[in-house]
Amino acid sequence: MESLRSHKGAINLGLDAWQSPNGFDVLGTVIYRLVKASSGKFELEASSLDFVQLQKNRAGIYLAKAVQSIVEKFGLTNRV
């Protein structure tokens, strides 16, 4: 994750919340960023950041706090 902290460009966060067949609510987070390849071209890189089991329903404030916790956990506050 050090490469994320030292990345100079934009970092975008993707979110997906769903319910598994056995009834668990899950929040998945993905990081998207452009990285310069050895060829000099930029490539889109996507990396799974975290998956958490939600303890409450998927209401807005609860989800926002869950996302904030994940962003802070990986040191990406004010970067996404």
N, C-alpha and C. Protein backbone atom coordinates (compact mmCIF):
# COMPACT_ATOMS: atom_id res chain seq x y z
N MET A 1 0.81 -1.20 0.00
CA MET A 1 0.00 0.00 0.00
C MET A 1 0.86 1.27 0.00
N GLU A 2 2.15 1.10 0.17
CA GLU A 2 3.03 2.27 0.14
C GLU A 2 2.95 2.97 -1.21
N SER A 3 2.78 2.20 -2.29
CA SER A 3 2.68 2.83 -3.61
C SER A 3 1.46 3.74 -3.71
N LEU A 4 0.41 3.42 -2.99
CA LEU A 4 -0.77 4.30 -2.97
C LEU A 4 -0.46 5.60 -2.25
N ARG A 5 0.26 5.51 -1.16
CA ARG A 5 0.57 6.71 -0.38
C ARG A 5 1.51 7.64 -1.14
N SER A 6 2.41 7.07 -1.95
CA SER A 6 3.37 7.90 -2.68
C SER A 6 2.87 8.29 -4.07
N HIS A 7 1.72 7.80 -4.48
CA HIS A 7 1.17 8.11 -5.81
C HIS A 7 0.86 9.60 -5.90
N LYS A 8 1.33 10.25 -6.95
CA LYS A 8 1.17 11.70 -7.10
C LYS A 8 -0.13 12.10 -7.81
N GLY A 9 -0.69 11.21 -8.61
CA GLY A 9 -1.88 11.54 -9.38
C GLY A 9 -3.16 11.30 -8.61
N ALA A 10 -4.25 11.36 -9.35
CA ALA A 10 -5.58 11.16 -8.77
C ALA A 10 -5.77 9.71 -8.35
N ILE A 11 -6.48 9.53 -7.27
CA ILE A 11 -6.88 8.21 -6.79
C ILE A 11 -8.40 8.24 -6.66
N ASN A 12 -9.05 7.30 -7.31
CA ASN A 12 -10.51 7.24 -7.29
C ASN A 12 -10.96 6.00 -6.53
N LEU A 13 -12.05 6.14 -5.84
CA LEU A 13 -12.57 5.07 -5.00
C LEU A 13 -13.86 4.53 -5.61
N GLY A 14 -13.92 3.21 -5.77
CA GLY A 14 -15.13 2.55 -6.24
C GLY A 14 -15.75 1.75 -5.11
N LEU A 15 -17.06 1.79 -5.00
CA LEU A 15 -17.78 1.12 -3.91
C LEU A 15 -18.86 0.21 -4.46
N ASP A 16 -19.08 -0.90 -3.78
CA ASP A 16 -20.18 -1.79 -4.14
C ASP A 16 -20.67 -2.46 -2.87
N ALA A 17 -21.94 -2.29 -2.57
CA ALA A 17 -22.55 -2.94 -1.41
C ALA A 17 -23.56 -3.95 -1.93
N TRP A 18 -23.55 -5.13 -1.34
CA TRP A 18 -24.48 -6.17 -1.76
C TRP A 18 -24.78 -7.10 -0.60
N GLN A 19 -25.75 -7.97 -0.80
CA GLN A 19 -26.09 -8.97 0.20
C GLN A 19 -25.77 -10.34 -0.37
N SER A 20 -24.98 -11.11 0.36
CA SER A 20 -24.60 -12.45 -0.08
C SER A 20 -25.81 -13.38 0.02
N PRO A 21 -25.76 -14.52 -0.66
CA PRO A 21 -26.88 -15.47 -0.61
C PRO A 21 -27.22 -15.93 0.81
N ASN A 22 -26.23 -15.91 1.71
CA ASN A 22 -26.50 -16.33 3.08
C ASN A 22 -26.91 -15.16 3.98
N GLY A 23 -27.20 -13.99 3.38
CA GLY A 23 -27.79 -12.88 4.13
C GLY A 23 -26.82 -11.87 4.71
N PHE A 24 -25.53 -11.98 4.43
CA PHE A 24 -24.56 -11.01 4.96
C PHE A 24 -24.48 -9.80 4.03
N ASP A 25 -24.53 -8.60 4.62
CA ASP A 25 -24.34 -7.37 3.85
C ASP A 25 -22.84 -7.08 3.79
N VAL A 26 -22.34 -6.82 2.60
CA VAL A 26 -20.90 -6.65 2.38
C VAL A 26 -20.67 -5.34 1.63
N LEU A 27 -19.58 -4.66 1.99
CA LEU A 27 -19.14 -3.46 1.27
C LEU A 27 -17.75 -3.74 0.72
N GLY A 28 -17.62 -3.64 -0.59
CA GLY A 28 -16.33 -3.81 -1.24
C GLY A 28 -15.83 -2.46 -1.72
N THR A 29 -14.53 -2.21 -1.56
CA THR A 29 -13.94 -0.96 -2.03
C THR A 29 -12.77 -1.27 -2.96
N VAL A 30 -12.67 -0.49 -4.01
CA VAL A 30 -11.63 -0.65 -5.02
C VAL A 30 -11.00 0.71 -5.27
N ILE A 31 -9.69 0.72 -5.48
CA ILE A 31 -8.96 1.93 -5.83
C ILE A 31 -8.63 1.89 -7.32
N TYR A 32 -8.88 3.00 -8.00
CA TYR A 32 -8.52 3.14 -9.42
C TYR A 32 -7.54 4.30 -9.54
N ARG A 33 -6.49 4.09 -10.35
CA ARG A 33 -5.53 5.17 -10.59
C ARG A 33 -4.81 4.93 -11.91
N LEU A 34 -4.26 5.99 -12.47
CA LEU A 34 -3.45 5.88 -13.67
C LEU A 34 -1.99 5.79 -13.26
N VAL A 35 -1.29 4.79 -13.78
CA VAL A 35 0.14 4.63 -13.49
C VAL A 35 0.90 4.62 -14.81
N LYS A 36 2.10 5.16 -14.78
CA LYS A 36 2.92 5.22 -15.97
C LYS A 36 3.66 3.90 -16.14
N ALA A 37 3.45 3.26 -17.27
CA ALA A 37 4.10 1.98 -17.56
C ALA A 37 5.53 2.24 -18.06
N SER A 38 6.31 1.17 -18.14
CA SER A 38 7.69 1.31 -18.61
C SER A 38 7.74 1.81 -20.06
N SER A 39 6.67 1.62 -20.81
CA SER A 39 6.59 2.11 -22.20
C SER A 39 6.36 3.61 -22.26
N GLY A 40 6.06 4.22 -21.12
CA GLY A 40 5.77 5.65 -21.07
C GLY A 40 4.29 5.96 -21.17
N LYS A 41 3.49 4.97 -21.50
CA LYS A 41 2.04 5.17 -21.58
C LYS A 41 1.42 5.00 -20.20
N PHE A 42 0.26 5.62 -20.03
CA PHE A 42 -0.46 5.48 -18.77
C PHE A 42 -1.44 4.32 -18.87
N GLU A 43 -1.54 3.56 -17.81
CA GLU A 43 -2.46 2.43 -17.75
C GLU A 43 -3.35 2.57 -16.52
N LEU A 44 -4.60 2.16 -16.67
CA LEU A 44 -5.53 2.17 -15.54
C LEU A 44 -5.25 0.96 -14.67
N GLU A 45 -5.02 1.21 -13.40
CA GLU A 45 -4.78 0.14 -12.44
C GLU A 45 -5.93 0.11 -11.45
N ALA A 46 -6.47 -1.06 -11.22
CA ALA A 46 -7.55 -1.24 -10.24
C ALA A 46 -7.06 -2.23 -9.19
N SER A 47 -7.24 -1.89 -7.93
CA SER A 47 -6.80 -2.74 -6.83
C SER A 47 -7.90 -2.84 -5.78
N SER A 48 -8.18 -4.06 -5.36
CA SER A 48 -9.13 -4.23 -4.24
C SER A 48 -8.51 -3.62 -3.01
N LEU A 49 -9.27 -2.83 -2.30
CA LEU A 49 -8.75 -2.18 -1.11
C LEU A 49 -9.21 -2.91 0.14
N ASP A 50 -10.52 -3.16 0.26
CA ASP A 50 -11.02 -3.81 1.47
C ASP A 50 -12.43 -4.35 1.21
N PHE A 51 -12.78 -5.37 1.96
CA PHE A 51 -14.14 -5.91 2.00
C PHE A 51 -14.53 -5.98 3.46
N VAL A 52 -15.66 -5.41 3.80
CA VAL A 52 -16.11 -5.43 5.20
C VAL A 52 -17.55 -5.93 5.26
N GLN A 53 -17.82 -6.68 6.30
CA GLN A 53 -19.19 -7.12 6.55
C GLN A 53 -19.90 -6.01 7.30
N LEU A 54 -20.99 -5.53 6.75
CA LEU A 54 -21.75 -4.46 7.38
C LEU A 54 -22.60 -5.02 8.51
N GLN A 55 -22.67 -4.27 9.60
CA GLN A 55 -23.42 -4.72 10.77
C GLN A 55 -24.83 -4.17 10.80
N LYS A 56 -25.10 -3.15 10.00
CA LYS A 56 -26.43 -2.52 9.96
C LYS A 56 -26.92 -2.53 8.51
N ASN A 57 -28.12 -2.03 8.32
CA ASN A 57 -28.61 -1.91 6.95
C ASN A 57 -27.77 -0.89 6.19
N ARG A 58 -27.97 -0.82 4.91
CA ARG A 58 -27.12 0.01 4.06
C ARG A 58 -27.61 1.45 3.96
N ALA A 59 -27.89 2.08 5.09
CA ALA A 59 -28.33 3.47 5.13
C ALA A 59 -27.14 4.40 4.87
N GLY A 60 -27.41 5.58 4.32
CA GLY A 60 -26.38 6.51 3.88
C GLY A 60 -25.34 6.89 4.90
N ILE A 61 -25.75 7.33 6.09
CA ILE A 61 -24.79 7.79 7.09
C ILE A 61 -23.91 6.63 7.55
N TYR A 62 -24.49 5.47 7.76
CA TYR A 62 -23.72 4.30 8.19
C TYR A 62 -22.69 3.92 7.12
N LEU A 63 -23.10 3.92 5.85
CA LEU A 63 -22.17 3.60 4.77
C LEU A 63 -21.06 4.64 4.67
N ALA A 64 -21.39 5.91 4.83
CA ALA A 64 -20.39 6.97 4.78
C ALA A 64 -19.34 6.78 5.87
N LYS A 65 -19.77 6.42 7.07
CA LYS A 65 -18.83 6.19 8.16
C LYS A 65 -17.97 4.96 7.90
N ALA A 66 -18.55 3.93 7.30
CA ALA A 66 -17.79 2.72 6.96
C ALA A 66 -16.71 3.05 5.93
N VAL A 67 -17.07 3.84 4.92
CA VAL A 67 -16.10 4.23 3.90
C VAL A 67 -15.02 5.11 4.51
N GLN A 68 -15.39 6.04 5.37
CA GLN A 68 -14.41 6.90 6.03
C GLN A 68 -13.42 6.06 6.83
N SER A 69 -13.90 5.05 7.52
CA SER A 69 -13.04 4.17 8.31
C SER A 69 -12.04 3.44 7.41
N ILE A 70 -12.50 2.96 6.27
CA ILE A 70 -11.61 2.25 5.34
C ILE A 70 -10.55 3.21 4.78
N VAL A 71 -10.97 4.39 4.37
CA VAL A 71 -10.04 5.38 3.82
C VAL A 71 -8.98 5.75 4.85
N GLU A 72 -9.38 5.95 6.09
CA GLU A 72 -8.43 6.28 7.16
C GLU A 72 -7.51 5.11 7.44
N LYS A 73 -8.04 3.90 7.43
CA LYS A 73 -7.26 2.69 7.69
C LYS A 73 -6.07 2.57 6.73
N PHE A 74 -6.27 2.98 5.48
CA PHE A 74 -5.22 2.85 4.48
C PHE A 74 -4.47 4.16 4.23
N GLY A 75 -4.68 5.15 5.08
CA GLY A 75 -3.95 6.41 4.99
C GLY A 75 -4.26 7.22 3.74
N LEU A 76 -5.50 7.15 3.27
CA LEU A 76 -5.87 7.85 2.04
C LEU A 76 -6.81 9.03 2.28
N THR A 77 -6.89 9.49 3.52
CA THR A 77 -7.73 10.64 3.84
C THR A 77 -7.29 11.83 2.99
N ASN A 78 -8.24 12.55 2.43
CA ASN A 78 -8.00 13.71 1.57
C ASN A 78 -7.30 13.36 0.26
N ARG A 79 -7.28 12.07 -0.10
CA ARG A 79 -6.66 11.65 -1.36
C ARG A 79 -7.69 11.11 -2.35
N VAL A 80 -8.86 10.72 -1.87
CA VAL A 80 -9.88 10.16 -2.75
C VAL A 80 -11.08 11.09 -2.79
